[in-house]
Amino acid sequence: MPAATVPPSPEPAPCRVVVCRDCCCGTAKVPGIDHAAQTARLRAQVPVRVSDCLDVCEQANVVVVQPSAQGRANGARPVWLGLVNDPEATEDIAAWARAGGPGVAPLPDILDLHTVTPPRRRTAR
């Protein structure tokens, strides 16, 4: 009887990126941004999901980097980034996500300037 072959284990799921593209993000309300190119650039590096409004319109364009399974196992949570309105910020996000993202690769200092608090974590004043 031949030995059973074990299929190769799949690559671990990478971190994923969510881009907001609704009422403010991804629209002419944020002028001078090629929203389609930004989304395409991120998609060229990591899986991307386009979302309706993420409810932080004052921070448009919003990008959320979700940790991979490994990142979650390391205790990471999604990182919300706002005012992602220039190609350099998009490149920084793509490079960080490609390197592993939250819980795997340290957040680059420059992206720390873009972090925003998700709506569900805001406290009433």
PDB file of N, CA and C in Angstrom:
ATOM      1  N   MET A   1       0.852  -1.164   0.000  1.00  0.00           N
ATOM      2  CA  MET A   1       0.000   0.000   0.000  1.00  0.00           C
ATOM      3  C   MET A   1       0.907   1.238   0.000  1.00  0.00           C
ATOM      4  N   PRO A   2       0.718   2.170  -0.934  1.00  0.00           N
ATOM      5  CA  PRO A   2       1.575   3.351  -0.989  1.00  0.00           C
ATOM      6  C   PRO A   2       1.307   4.282   0.180  1.00  0.00           C
ATOM      7  N   ALA A   3       2.348   4.999   0.560  1.00  0.00           N
ATOM      8  CA  ALA A   3       2.216   5.955   1.662  1.00  0.00           C
ATOM      9  C   ALA A   3       1.319   7.106   1.228  1.00  0.00           C
ATOM     10  N   ALA A   4       0.523   7.571   2.160  1.00  0.00           N
ATOM     11  CA  ALA A   4      -0.360   8.704   1.866  1.00  0.00           C
ATOM     12  C   ALA A   4       0.477   9.958   1.688  1.00  0.00           C
ATOM     13  N   THR A   5       0.121  10.708   0.709  1.00  0.00           N
ATOM     14  CA  THR A   5       0.840  11.967   0.515  1.00  0.00           C
ATOM     15  C   THR A   5       0.087  13.079   1.226  1.00  0.00           C
ATOM     16  N   VAL A   6       0.841  13.924   1.834  1.00  0.00           N
ATOM     17  CA  VAL A   6       0.262  15.045   2.559  1.00  0.00           C
ATOM     18  C   VAL A   6       0.421  16.279   1.686  1.00  0.00           C
ATOM     19  N   PRO A   7      -0.678  16.957   1.398  1.00  0.00           N
ATOM     20  CA  PRO A   7      -0.540  18.161   0.576  1.00  0.00           C
ATOM     21  C   PRO A   7       0.278  19.206   1.320  1.00  0.00           C
ATOM     22  N   PRO A   8       1.003  20.027   0.569  1.00  0.00           N
ATOM     23  CA  PRO A   8       1.793  21.060   1.247  1.00  0.00           C
ATOM     24  C   PRO A   8       0.861  22.001   2.009  1.00  0.00           C
ATOM     25  N   SER A   9       1.356  22.461   3.140  1.00  0.00           N
ATOM     26  CA  SER A   9       0.524  23.368   3.926  1.00  0.00           C
ATOM     27  C   SER A   9       0.432  24.706   3.195  1.00  0.00           C
ATOM     28  N   PRO A  10      -0.748  25.289   3.204  1.00  0.00           N
ATOM     29  CA  PRO A  10      -0.905  26.565   2.507  1.00  0.00           C
ATOM     30  C   PRO A  10      -0.122  27.664   3.214  1.00  0.00           C
ATOM     31  N   GLU A  11       0.200  28.693   2.451  1.00  0.00           N
ATOM     32  CA  GLU A  11       0.861  29.854   3.037  1.00  0.00           C
ATOM     33  C   GLU A  11      -0.077  30.465   4.071  1.00  0.00           C
ATOM     34  N   PRO A  12       0.468  30.973   5.160  1.00  0.00           N
ATOM     35  CA  PRO A  12      -0.413  31.620   6.124  1.00  0.00           C
ATOM     36  C   PRO A  12      -1.088  32.829   5.479  1.00  0.00           C
ATOM     37  N   ALA A  13      -2.313  33.076   5.890  1.00  0.00           N
ATOM     38  CA  ALA A  13      -3.058  34.205   5.333  1.00  0.00           C
ATOM     39  C   ALA A  13      -2.353  35.507   5.683  1.00  0.00           C
ATOM     40  N   PRO A  14      -2.170  36.369   4.696  1.00  0.00           N
ATOM     41  CA  PRO A  14      -1.502  37.650   4.967  1.00  0.00           C
ATOM     42  C   PRO A  14      -2.454  38.605   5.682  1.00  0.00           C
ATOM     43  N   CYS A  15      -1.891  39.697   6.141  1.00  0.00           N
ATOM     44  CA  CYS A  15      -2.779  40.714   6.677  1.00  0.00           C
ATOM     45  C   CYS A  15      -3.592  41.266   5.516  1.00  0.00           C
ATOM     46  N   ARG A  16      -4.700  41.881   5.830  1.00  0.00           N
ATOM     47  CA  ARG A  16      -5.606  42.414   4.815  1.00  0.00           C
ATOM     48  C   ARG A  16      -5.812  43.892   5.059  1.00  0.00           C
ATOM     49  N   VAL A  17      -6.176  44.582   3.997  1.00  0.00           N
ATOM     50  CA  VAL A  17      -6.400  46.017   4.073  1.00  0.00           C
ATOM     51  C   VAL A  17      -7.846  46.302   3.676  1.00  0.00           C
ATOM     52  N   VAL A  18      -8.477  47.176   4.426  1.00  0.00           N
ATOM     53  CA  VAL A  18      -9.820  47.651   4.093  1.00  0.00           C
ATOM     54  C   VAL A  18      -9.698  49.127   3.758  1.00  0.00           C
ATOM     55  N   VAL A  19     -10.222  49.517   2.598  1.00  0.00           N
ATOM     56  CA  VAL A  19     -10.244  50.929   2.233  1.00  0.00           C
ATOM     57  C   VAL A  19     -11.681  51.411   2.254  1.00  0.00           C
ATOM     58  N   CYS A  20     -11.882  52.561   2.848  1.00  0.00           N
ATOM     59  CA  CYS A  20     -13.208  53.173   2.893  1.00  0.00           C
ATOM     60  C   CYS A  20     -13.423  53.885   1.562  1.00  0.00           C
ATOM     61  N   ARG A  21     -14.558  53.652   0.950  1.00  0.00           N
ATOM     62  CA  ARG A  21     -14.871  54.287  -0.325  1.00  0.00           C
ATOM     63  C   ARG A  21     -16.378  54.552  -0.365  1.00  0.00           C
ATOM     64  N   ASP A  22     -16.797  55.591   0.346  1.00  0.00           N
ATOM     65  CA  ASP A  22     -18.233  55.871   0.349  1.00  0.00           C
ATOM     66  C   ASP A  22     -18.475  57.364   0.301  1.00  0.00           C
ATOM     67  N   CYS A  23     -19.063  57.914   1.328  1.00  0.00           N
ATOM     68  CA  CYS A  23     -19.553  59.291   1.272  1.00  0.00           C
ATOM     69  C   CYS A  23     -18.441  60.331   1.212  1.00  0.00           C
ATOM     70  N   CYS A  24     -17.330  60.116   1.851  1.00  0.00           N
ATOM     71  CA  CYS A  24     -16.208  61.071   1.833  1.00  0.00           C
ATOM     72  C   CYS A  24     -14.951  60.425   1.266  1.00  0.00           C
ATOM     73  N   CYS A  25     -14.545  59.330   1.847  1.00  0.00           N
ATOM     74  CA  CYS A  25     -13.352  58.635   1.355  1.00  0.00           C
ATOM     75  C   CYS A  25     -13.625  58.132  -0.064  1.00  0.00           C
ATOM     76  N   GLY A  26     -12.659  58.305  -0.914  1.00  0.00           N
ATOM     77  CA  GLY A  26     -12.808  57.783  -2.262  1.00  0.00           C
ATOM     78  C   GLY A  26     -13.682  58.626  -3.164  1.00  0.00           C
ATOM     79  N   THR A  27     -13.985  59.845  -2.759  1.00  0.00           N
ATOM     80  CA  THR A  27     -14.836  60.709  -3.577  1.00  0.00           C
ATOM     81  C   THR A  27     -14.143  62.038  -3.832  1.00  0.00           C
ATOM     82  N   ALA A  28     -14.788  62.847  -4.625  1.00  0.00           N
ATOM     83  CA  ALA A  28     -14.259  64.181  -4.944  1.00  0.00           C
ATOM     84  C   ALA A  28     -14.224  65.099  -3.725  1.00  0.00           C
ATOM     85  N   LYS A  29     -14.850  64.691  -2.617  1.00  0.00           N
ATOM     86  CA  LYS A  29     -14.784  65.495  -1.390  1.00  0.00           C
ATOM     87  C   LYS A  29     -13.360  65.572  -0.861  1.00  0.00           C
ATOM     88  N   VAL A  30     -12.524  64.611  -1.261  1.00  0.00           N
ATOM     89  CA  VAL A  30     -11.095  64.652  -0.949  1.00  0.00           C
ATOM     90  C   VAL A  30     -10.410  64.877  -2.299  1.00  0.00           C
ATOM     91  N   PRO A  31     -10.245  66.144  -2.695  1.00  0.00           N
ATOM     92  CA  PRO A  31      -9.754  66.448  -4.041  1.00  0.00           C
ATOM     93  C   PRO A  31      -8.273  66.115  -4.238  1.00  0.00           C
ATOM     94  N   GLY A  32      -7.932  65.901  -5.506  1.00  0.00           N
ATOM     95  CA  GLY A  32      -6.539  65.699  -5.867  1.00  0.00           C
ATOM     96  C   GLY A  32      -6.006  64.308  -5.611  1.00  0.00           C
ATOM     97  N   ILE A  33      -6.858  63.384  -5.242  1.00  0.00           N
ATOM     98  CA  ILE A  33      -6.433  62.010  -4.940  1.00  0.00           C
ATOM     99  C   ILE A  33      -6.954  61.087  -6.035  1.00  0.00           C
ATOM    100  N   ASP A  34      -6.090  60.234  -6.541  1.00  0.00           N
ATOM    101  CA  ASP A  34      -6.522  59.210  -7.493  1.00  0.00           C
ATOM    102  C   ASP A  34      -6.897  57.983  -6.670  1.00  0.00           C
ATOM    103  N   HIS A  35      -8.163  57.942  -6.274  1.00  0.00           N
ATOM    104  CA  HIS A  35      -8.637  56.886  -5.372  1.00  0.00           C
ATOM    105  C   HIS A  35      -8.503  55.492  -5.995  1.00  0.00           C
ATOM    106  N   ALA A  36      -8.794  55.392  -7.284  1.00  0.00           N
ATOM    107  CA  ALA A  36      -8.682  54.091  -7.949  1.00  0.00           C
ATOM    108  C   ALA A  36      -7.228  53.621  -7.967  1.00  0.00           C
ATOM    109  N   ALA A  37      -6.300  54.535  -8.219  1.00  0.00           N
ATOM    110  CA  ALA A  37      -4.878  54.159  -8.226  1.00  0.00           C
ATOM    111  C   ALA A  37      -4.416  53.756  -6.833  1.00  0.00           C
ATOM    112  N   GLN A  38      -4.906  54.439  -5.812  1.00  0.00           N
ATOM    113  CA  GLN A  38      -4.531  54.094  -4.441  1.00  0.00           C
ATOM    114  C   GLN A  38      -4.989  52.672  -4.113  1.00  0.00           C
ATOM    115  N   THR A  39      -6.232  52.367  -4.437  1.00  0.00           N
ATOM    116  CA  THR A  39      -6.763  51.028  -4.181  1.00  0.00           C
ATOM    117  C   THR A  39      -5.999  49.987  -4.988  1.00  0.00           C
ATOM    118  N   ALA A  40      -5.734  50.279  -6.258  1.00  0.00           N
ATOM    119  CA  ALA A  40      -5.000  49.333  -7.109  1.00  0.00           C
ATOM    120  C   ALA A  40      -3.591  49.100  -6.578  1.00  0.00           C
ATOM    121  N   ARG A  41      -2.939  50.142  -6.105  1.00  0.00           N
ATOM    122  CA  ARG A  41      -1.571  49.992  -5.572  1.00  0.00           C
ATOM    123  C   ARG A  41      -1.563  49.081  -4.352  1.00  0.00           C
ATOM    124  N   LEU A  42      -2.517  49.274  -3.472  1.00  0.00           N
ATOM    125  CA  LEU A  42      -2.601  48.407  -2.301  1.00  0.00           C
ATOM    126  C   LEU A  42      -2.920  46.975  -2.715  1.00  0.00           C
ATOM    127  N   ARG A  43      -3.853  46.818  -3.662  1.00  0.00           N
ATOM    128  CA  ARG A  43      -4.223  45.478  -4.138  1.00  0.00           C
ATOM    129  C   ARG A  43      -3.052  44.745  -4.768  1.00  0.00           C
ATOM    130  N   ALA A  44      -2.127  45.469  -5.331  1.00  0.00           N
ATOM    131  CA  ALA A  44      -0.956  44.836  -5.948  1.00  0.00           C
ATOM    132  C   ALA A  44      -0.048  44.210  -4.892  1.00  0.00           C
ATOM    133  N   GLN A  45      -0.215  44.600  -3.636  1.00  0.00           N
ATOM    134  CA  GLN A  45       0.663  44.131  -2.567  1.00  0.00           C
ATOM    135  C   GLN A  45      -0.002  43.144  -1.620  1.00  0.00           C
ATOM    136  N   VAL A  46      -1.261  43.397  -1.272  1.00  0.00           N
ATOM    137  CA  VAL A  46      -1.960  42.581  -0.274  1.00  0.00           C
ATOM    138  C   VAL A  46      -3.444  42.505  -0.633  1.00  0.00           C
ATOM    139  N   PRO A  47      -4.170  41.552  -0.034  1.00  0.00           N
ATOM    140  CA  PRO A  47      -5.616  41.506  -0.269  1.00  0.00           C
ATOM    141  C   PRO A  47      -6.290  42.783   0.241  1.00  0.00           C
ATOM    142  N   VAL A  48      -7.201  43.317  -0.555  1.00  0.00           N
ATOM    143  CA  VAL A  48      -7.898  44.554  -0.210  1.00  0.00           C
ATOM    144  C   VAL A  48      -9.400  44.328  -0.319  1.00  0.00           C
ATOM    145  N   ARG A  49     -10.117  44.871   0.646  1.00  0.00           N
ATOM    146  CA  ARG A  49     -11.576  44.880   0.618  1.00  0.00           C
ATOM    147  C   ARG A  49     -12.006  46.335   0.603  1.00  0.00           C
ATOM    148  N   VAL A  50     -12.956  46.660  -0.260  1.00  0.00           N
ATOM    149  CA  VAL A  50     -13.506  48.009  -0.312  1.00  0.00           C
ATOM    150  C   VAL A  50     -14.762  48.024   0.544  1.00  0.00           C
ATOM    151  N   SER A  51     -14.843  48.997   1.430  1.00  0.00           N
ATOM    152  CA  SER A  51     -15.955  49.089   2.371  1.00  0.00           C
ATOM    153  C   SER A  51     -16.763  50.350   2.124  1.00  0.00           C
ATOM    154  N   ASP A  52     -18.005  50.297   2.534  1.00  0.00           N
ATOM    155  CA  ASP A  52     -18.803  51.512   2.615  1.00  0.00           C
ATOM    156  C   ASP A  52     -18.270  52.323   3.795  1.00  0.00           C
ATOM    157  N   CYS A  53     -18.949  53.356   4.151  1.00  0.00           N
ATOM    158  CA  CYS A  53     -18.496  54.305   5.168  1.00  0.00           C
ATOM    159  C   CYS A  53     -18.069  53.610   6.467  1.00  0.00           C
ATOM    160  N   LEU A  54     -16.870  53.960   6.925  1.00  0.00           N
ATOM    161  CA  LEU A  54     -16.349  53.437   8.187  1.00  0.00           C
ATOM    162  C   LEU A  54     -16.577  54.417   9.338  1.00  0.00           C
ATOM    163  N   ASP A  55     -17.281  55.503   9.060  1.00  0.00           N
ATOM    164  CA  ASP A  55     -17.747  56.447  10.074  1.00  0.00           C
ATOM    165  C   ASP A  55     -16.632  57.247  10.760  1.00  0.00           C
ATOM    166  N   VAL A  56     -15.600  57.564  10.022  1.00  0.00           N
ATOM    167  CA  VAL A  56     -14.581  58.499  10.490  1.00  0.00           C
ATOM    168  C   VAL A  56     -14.294  59.490   9.356  1.00  0.00           C
ATOM    169  N   CYS A  57     -15.361  60.056   8.834  1.00  0.00           N
ATOM    170  CA  CYS A  57     -15.292  60.908   7.640  1.00  0.00           C
ATOM    171  C   CYS A  57     -14.334  62.073   7.801  1.00  0.00           C
ATOM    172  N   GLU A  58     -14.185  62.582   9.011  1.00  0.00           N
ATOM    173  CA  GLU A  58     -13.282  63.712   9.224  1.00  0.00           C
ATOM    174  C   GLU A  58     -11.824  63.319   9.006  1.00  0.00           C
ATOM    175  N   GLN A  59     -11.545  62.020   8.862  1.00  0.00           N
ATOM    176  CA  GLN A  59     -10.182  61.525   8.656  1.00  0.00           C
ATOM    177  C   GLN A  59      -9.977  60.954   7.245  1.00  0.00           C
ATOM    178  N   ALA A  60     -10.887  61.269   6.314  1.00  0.00           N
ATOM    179  CA  ALA A  60     -10.829  60.699   4.953  1.00  0.00           C
ATOM    180  C   ALA A  60      -9.472  60.993   4.317  1.00  0.00           C
ATOM    181  N   ASN A  61      -8.951  60.043   3.668  1.00  0.00           N
ATOM    182  CA  ASN A  61      -9.225  58.673   3.307  1.00  0.00           C
ATOM    183  C   ASN A  61      -8.768  57.730   4.421  1.00  0.00           C
ATOM    184  N   VAL A  62      -9.634  56.798   4.747  1.00  0.00           N
ATOM    185  CA  VAL A  62      -9.352  55.884   5.843  1.00  0.00           C
ATOM    186  C   VAL A  62      -8.967  54.518   5.285  1.00  0.00           C
ATOM    187  N   VAL A  63      -7.919  53.949   5.869  1.00  0.00           N
ATOM    188  CA  VAL A  63      -7.438  52.619   5.521  1.00  0.00           C
ATOM    189  C   VAL A  63      -7.259  51.858   6.832  1.00  0.00           C
ATOM    190  N   VAL A  64      -7.761  50.634   6.878  1.00  0.00           N
ATOM    191  CA  VAL A  64      -7.615  49.788   8.064  1.00  0.00           C
ATOM    192  C   VAL A  64      -6.764  48.585   7.682  1.00  0.00           C
ATOM    193  N   VAL A  65      -5.691  48.370   8.435  1.00  0.00           N
ATOM    194  CA  VAL A  65      -4.822  47.215   8.199  1.00  0.00           C
ATOM    195  C   VAL A  65      -5.174  46.179   9.254  1.00  0.00           C
ATOM    196  N   GLN A  66      -5.716  45.056   8.783  1.00  0.00           N
ATOM    197  CA  GLN A  66      -6.130  43.984   9.681  1.00  0.00           C
ATOM    198  C   GLN A  66      -4.997  42.976   9.835  1.00  0.00           C
ATOM    199  N   PRO A  67      -4.757  42.522  11.048  1.00  0.00           N
ATOM    200  CA  PRO A  67      -3.654  41.578  11.245  1.00  0.00           C
ATOM    201  C   PRO A  67      -3.926  40.224  10.604  1.00  0.00           C
ATOM    202  N   SER A  68      -2.855  39.549  10.259  1.00  0.00           N
ATOM    203  CA  SER A  68      -2.931  38.172   9.774  1.00  0.00           C
ATOM    204  C   SER A  68      -3.256  37.262  10.953  1.00  0.00           C
ATOM    205  N   ALA A  69      -3.424  35.982  10.683  1.00  0.00           N
ATOM    206  CA  ALA A  69      -3.647  35.019  11.762  1.00  0.00           C
ATOM    207  C   ALA A  69      -2.471  35.040  12.733  1.00  0.00           C
ATOM    208  N   GLN A  70      -1.256  35.117  12.196  1.00  0.00           N
ATOM    209  CA  GLN A  70      -0.070  35.179  13.058  1.00  0.00           C
ATOM    210  C   GLN A  70      -0.091  36.455  13.893  1.00  0.00           C
ATOM    211  N   GLY A  71      -0.449  37.570  13.274  1.00  0.00           N
ATOM    212  CA  GLY A  71      -0.522  38.830  14.010  1.00  0.00           C
ATOM    213  C   GLY A  71      -1.546  38.771  15.126  1.00  0.00           C
ATOM    214  N   ARG A  72      -2.710  38.182  14.826  1.00  0.00           N
ATOM    215  CA  ARG A  72      -3.747  38.042  15.871  1.00  0.00           C
ATOM    216  C   ARG A  72      -3.258  37.128  16.993  1.00  0.00           C
ATOM    217  N   ALA A  73      -2.563  36.058  16.620  1.00  0.00           N
ATOM    218  CA  ALA A  73      -2.015  35.162  17.643  1.00  0.00           C
ATOM    219  C   ALA A  73      -1.011  35.898  18.524  1.00  0.00           C
ATOM    220  N   ASN A  74      -0.367  36.918  17.963  1.00  0.00           N
ATOM    221  CA  ASN A  74       0.577  37.731  18.727  1.00  0.00           C
ATOM    222  C   ASN A  74      -0.119  38.863  19.482  1.00  0.00           C
ATOM    223  N   GLY A  75      -1.450  38.902  19.420  1.00  0.00           N
ATOM    224  CA  GLY A  75      -2.206  39.897  20.176  1.00  0.00           C
ATOM    225  C   GLY A  75      -2.537  41.177  19.433  1.00  0.00           C
ATOM    226  N   ALA A  76      -2.261  41.223  18.138  1.00  0.00           N
ATOM    227  CA  ALA A  76      -2.497  42.457  17.374  1.00  0.00           C
ATOM    228  C   ALA A  76      -3.975  42.686  17.095  1.00  0.00           C
ATOM    229  N   ARG A  77      -4.313  43.944  16.958  1.00  0.00           N
ATOM    230  CA  ARG A  77      -5.657  44.397  16.597  1.00  0.00           C
ATOM    231  C   ARG A  77      -5.544  45.180  15.290  1.00  0.00           C
ATOM    232  N   PRO A  78      -6.649  45.402  14.603  1.00  0.00           N
ATOM    233  CA  PRO A  78      -6.593  46.221  13.392  1.00  0.00           C
ATOM    234  C   PRO A  78      -6.046  47.614  13.697  1.00  0.00           C
ATOM    235  N   VAL A  79      -5.320  48.160  12.740  1.00  0.00           N
ATOM    236  CA  VAL A  79      -4.770  49.510  12.866  1.00  0.00           C
ATOM    237  C   VAL A  79      -5.506  50.401  11.873  1.00  0.00           C
ATOM    238  N   TRP A  80      -6.133  51.449  12.396  1.00  0.00           N
ATOM    239  CA  TRP A  80      -6.885  52.399  11.582  1.00  0.00           C
ATOM    240  C   TRP A  80      -5.985  53.568  11.252  1.00  0.00           C
ATOM    241  N   LEU A  81      -5.939  53.911   9.973  1.00  0.00           N
ATOM    242  CA  LEU A  81      -5.101  55.006   9.493  1.00  0.00           C
ATOM    243  C   LEU A  81      -5.990  56.007   8.754  1.00  0.00           C
ATOM    244  N   GLY A  82      -5.815  57.272   9.073  1.00  0.00           N
ATOM    245  CA  GLY A  82      -6.612  58.311   8.432  1.00  0.00           C
ATOM    246  C   GLY A  82      -5.741  59.310   7.706  1.00  0.00           C
ATOM    247  N   LEU A  83      -6.399  60.138   6.916  1.00  0.00           N
ATOM    248  CA  LEU A  83      -5.727  61.163   6.117  1.00  0.00           C
ATOM    249  C   LEU A  83      -4.656  60.555   5.211  1.00  0.00           C
ATOM    250  N   VAL A  84      -4.978  59.398   4.662  1.00  0.00           N
ATOM    251  CA  VAL A  84      -4.066  58.723   3.738  1.00  0.00           C
ATOM    252  C   VAL A  84      -4.310  59.342   2.359  1.00  0.00           C
ATOM    253  N   ASN A  85      -3.724  60.513   2.173  1.00  0.00           N
ATOM    254  CA  ASN A  85      -4.038  61.320   0.999  1.00  0.00           C
ATOM    255  C   ASN A  85      -2.856  61.601   0.097  1.00  0.00           C
ATOM    256  N   ASP A  86      -1.778  60.849   0.249  1.00  0.00           N
ATOM    257  CA  ASP A  86      -0.662  61.043  -0.668  1.00  0.00           C
ATOM    258  C   ASP A  86      -0.055  59.685  -1.017  1.00  0.00           C
ATOM    259  N   PRO A  87       0.570  59.597  -2.175  1.00  0.00           N
ATOM    260  CA  PRO A  87       1.135  58.318  -2.616  1.00  0.00           C
ATOM    261  C   PRO A  87       2.187  57.750  -1.673  1.00  0.00           C
ATOM    262  N   GLU A  88       2.928  58.621  -0.993  1.00  0.00           N
ATOM    263  CA  GLU A  88       3.958  58.128  -0.073  1.00  0.00           C
ATOM    264  C   GLU A  88       3.326  57.355   1.088  1.00  0.00           C
ATOM    265  N   ALA A  89       2.223  57.857   1.622  1.00  0.00           N
ATOM    266  CA  ALA A  89       1.532  57.145   2.710  1.00  0.00           C
ATOM    267  C   ALA A  89       1.006  55.804   2.216  1.00  0.00           C
ATOM    268  N   THR A  90       0.474  55.789   0.999  1.00  0.00           N
ATOM    269  CA  THR A  90      -0.008  54.530   0.426  1.00  0.00           C
ATOM    270  C   THR A  90       1.140  53.533   0.297  1.00  0.00           C
ATOM    271  N   GLU A  91       2.291  54.006  -0.167  1.00  0.00           N
ATOM    272  CA  GLU A  91       3.459  53.124  -0.301  1.00  0.00           C
ATOM    273  C   GLU A  91       3.916  52.607   1.056  1.00  0.00           C
ATOM    274  N   ASP A  92       3.897  53.464   2.074  1.00  0.00           N
ATOM    275  CA  ASP A  92       4.288  53.041   3.425  1.00  0.00           C
ATOM    276  C   ASP A  92       3.345  51.965   3.945  1.00  0.00           C
ATOM    277  N   ILE A  93       2.056  52.132   3.702  1.00  0.00           N
ATOM    278  CA  ILE A  93       1.076  51.134   4.141  1.00  0.00           C
ATOM    279  C   ILE A  93       1.298  49.821   3.396  1.00  0.00           C
ATOM    280  N   ALA A  94       1.476  49.896   2.083  1.00  0.00           N
ATOM    281  CA  ALA A  94       1.701  48.679   1.290  1.00  0.00           C
ATOM    282  C   ALA A  94       2.940  47.932   1.761  1.00  0.00           C
ATOM    283  N   ALA A  95       4.018  48.657   2.010  1.00  0.00           N
ATOM    284  CA  ALA A  95       5.265  48.021   2.457  1.00  0.00           C
ATOM    285  C   ALA A  95       5.092  47.374   3.830  1.00  0.00           C
ATOM    286  N   TRP A  96       4.406  48.064   4.742  1.00  0.00           N
ATOM    287  CA  TRP A  96       4.192  47.509   6.082  1.00  0.00           C
ATOM    288  C   TRP A  96       3.314  46.265   6.016  1.00  0.00           C
ATOM    289  N   ALA A  97       2.243  46.341   5.247  1.00  0.00           N
ATOM    290  CA  ALA A  97       1.347  45.185   5.124  1.00  0.00           C
ATOM    291  C   ALA A  97       2.083  44.011   4.491  1.00  0.00           C
ATOM    292  N   ARG A  98       2.870  44.269   3.473  1.00  0.00           N
ATOM    293  CA  ARG A  98       3.639  43.214   2.818  1.00  0.00           C
ATOM    294  C   ARG A  98       4.656  42.591   3.779  1.00  0.00           C
ATOM    295  N   ALA A  99       5.186  43.401   4.708  1.00  0.00           N
ATOM    296  CA  ALA A  99       6.152  42.903   5.698  1.00  0.00           C
ATOM    297  C   ALA A  99       5.480  42.102   6.808  1.00  0.00           C
ATOM    298  N   GLY A 100       4.154  42.102   6.852  1.00  0.00           N
ATOM    299  CA  GLY A 100       3.433  41.314   7.856  1.00  0.00           C
ATOM    300  C   GLY A 100       2.379  42.093   8.586  1.00  0.00           C
ATOM    301  N   GLY A 101       2.509  43.409   8.661  1.00  0.00           N
ATOM    302  CA  GLY A 101       1.492  44.244   9.294  1.00  0.00           C
ATOM    303  C   GLY A 101       1.416  44.081  10.798  1.00  0.00           C
ATOM    304  N   PRO A 102       0.266  44.424  11.379  1.00  0.00           N
ATOM    305  CA  PRO A 102       0.113  44.430  12.837  1.00  0.00           C
ATOM    306  C   PRO A 102       0.483  43.093  13.482  1.00  0.00           C
ATOM    307  N   GLY A 103       1.271  43.174  14.528  1.00  0.00           N
ATOM    308  CA  GLY A 103       1.645  41.992  15.291  1.00  0.00           C
ATOM    309  C   GLY A 103       2.788  41.199  14.698  1.00  0.00           C
ATOM    310  N   VAL A 104       3.202  41.545  13.478  1.00  0.00           N
ATOM    311  CA  VAL A 104       4.292  40.834  12.821  1.00  0.00           C
ATOM    312  C   VAL A 104       5.447  41.791  12.544  1.00  0.00           C
ATOM    313  N   ALA A 105       5.127  42.933  11.971  1.00  0.00           N
ATOM    314  CA  ALA A 105       6.145  43.947  11.659  1.00  0.00           C
ATOM    315  C   ALA A 105       5.819  45.207  12.458  1.00  0.00           C
ATOM    316  N   PRO A 106       6.825  45.887  12.967  1.00  0.00           N
ATOM    317  CA  PRO A 106       6.538  47.112  13.733  1.00  0.00           C
ATOM    318  C   PRO A 106       5.927  48.189  12.833  1.00  0.00           C
ATOM    319  N   LEU A 107       5.022  48.962  13.412  1.00  0.00           N
ATOM    320  CA  LEU A 107       4.399  50.073  12.697  1.00  0.00           C
ATOM    321  C   LEU A 107       5.475  51.115  12.404  1.00  0.00           C
ATOM    322  N   PRO A 108       5.676  51.463  11.137  1.00  0.00           N
ATOM    323  CA  PRO A 108       6.669  52.501  10.831  1.00  0.00           C
ATOM    324  C   PRO A 108       6.297  53.820  11.517  1.00  0.00           C
ATOM    325  N   ASP A 109       7.303  54.525  12.001  1.00  0.00           N
ATOM    326  CA  ASP A 109       7.060  55.784  12.702  1.00  0.00           C
ATOM    327  C   ASP A 109       6.200  56.740  11.891  1.00  0.00           C
ATOM    328  N   ILE A 110       6.424  56.813  10.590  1.00  0.00           N
ATOM    329  CA  ILE A 110       5.674  57.746   9.757  1.00  0.00           C
ATOM    330  C   ILE A 110       4.181  57.401   9.750  1.00  0.00           C
ATOM    331  N   LEU A 111       3.848  56.117   9.829  1.00  0.00           N
ATOM    332  CA  LEU A 111       2.431  55.732   9.849  1.00  0.00           C
ATOM    333  C   LEU A 111       1.791  55.998  11.198  1.00  0.00           C
ATOM    334  N   ASP A 112       2.599  56.086  12.236  1.00  0.00           N
ATOM    335  CA  ASP A 112       2.060  56.423  13.548  1.00  0.00           C
ATOM    336  C   ASP A 112       1.343  57.775  13.501  1.00  0.00           C
ATOM    337  N   LEU A 113       1.810  58.657  12.621  1.00  0.00           N
ATOM    338  CA  LEU A 113       1.176  59.974  12.466  1.00  0.00           C
ATOM    339  C   LEU A 113      -0.211  59.879  11.848  1.00  0.00           C
ATOM    340  N   HIS A 114      -0.523  58.751  11.196  1.00  0.00           N
ATOM    341  CA  HIS A 114      -1.807  58.562  10.530  1.00  0.00           C
ATOM    342  C   HIS A 114      -2.813  57.766  11.371  1.00  0.00           C
ATOM    343  N   THR A 115      -2.394  57.227  12.508  1.00  0.00           N
ATOM    344  CA  THR A 115      -3.317  56.382  13.272  1.00  0.00           C
ATOM    345  C   THR A 115      -4.490  57.200  13.807  1.00  0.00           C
ATOM    346  N   VAL A 116      -5.675  56.598  13.736  1.00  0.00           N
ATOM    347  CA  VAL A 116      -6.896  57.219  14.249  1.00  0.00           C
ATOM    348  C   VAL A 116      -7.626  56.201  15.118  1.00  0.00           C
ATOM    349  N   THR A 117      -8.481  56.702  15.962  1.00  0.00           N
ATOM    350  CA  THR A 117      -9.265  55.836  16.833  1.00  0.00           C
ATOM    351  C   THR A 117     -10.528  55.402  16.107  1.00  0.00           C
ATOM    352  N   PRO A 118     -10.782  54.108  16.034  1.00  0.00           N
ATOM    353  CA  PRO A 118     -12.012  53.638  15.391  1.00  0.00           C
ATOM    354  C   PRO A 118     -13.239  54.158  16.136  1.00  0.00           C
ATOM    355  N   PRO A 119     -14.356  54.316  15.440  1.00  0.00           N
ATOM    356  CA  PRO A 119     -15.552  54.880  16.069  1.00  0.00           C
ATOM    357  C   PRO A 119     -16.009  54.127  17.310  1.00  0.00           C
ATOM    358  N   ARG A 120     -15.926  52.829  17.319  1.00  0.00           N
ATOM    359  CA  ARG A 120     -16.431  52.049  18.461  1.00  0.00           C
ATOM    360  C   ARG A 120     -15.581  52.222  19.709  1.00  0.00           C
ATOM    361  N   ARG A 121     -14.358  52.748  19.560  1.00  0.00           N
ATOM    362  CA  ARG A 121     -13.472  52.922  20.700  1.00  0.00           C
ATOM    363  C   ARG A 121     -13.475  54.347  21.233  1.00  0.00           C
ATOM    364  N   ARG A 122     -14.208  55.216  20.590  1.00  0.00           N
ATOM    365  CA  ARG A 122     -14.249  56.592  21.051  1.00  0.00           C
ATOM    366  C   ARG A 122     -15.048  56.667  22.343  1.00  0.00           C
ATOM    367  N   THR A 123     -14.649  57.581  23.190  1.00  0.00           N
ATOM    368  CA  THR A 123     -15.364  57.751  24.451  1.00  0.00           C
ATOM    369  C   THR A 123     -16.164  59.028  24.399  1.00  0.00           C
ATOM    370  N   ALA A 124     -17.315  59.033  25.058  1.00  0.00           N
ATOM    371  CA  ALA A 124     -18.164  60.232  25.106  1.00  0.00           C
ATOM    372  C   ALA A 124     -17.502  61.263  25.997  1.00  0.00           C
ATOM    373  N   ARG A 125     -17.662  62.530  25.612  1.00  0.00           N
ATOM    374  CA  ARG A 125     -17.078  63.598  26.428  1.00  0.00           C
ATOM    375  C   ARG A 125     -18.144  64.334  27.153  1.00  0.00           C
TER     376      ARG A 125
END
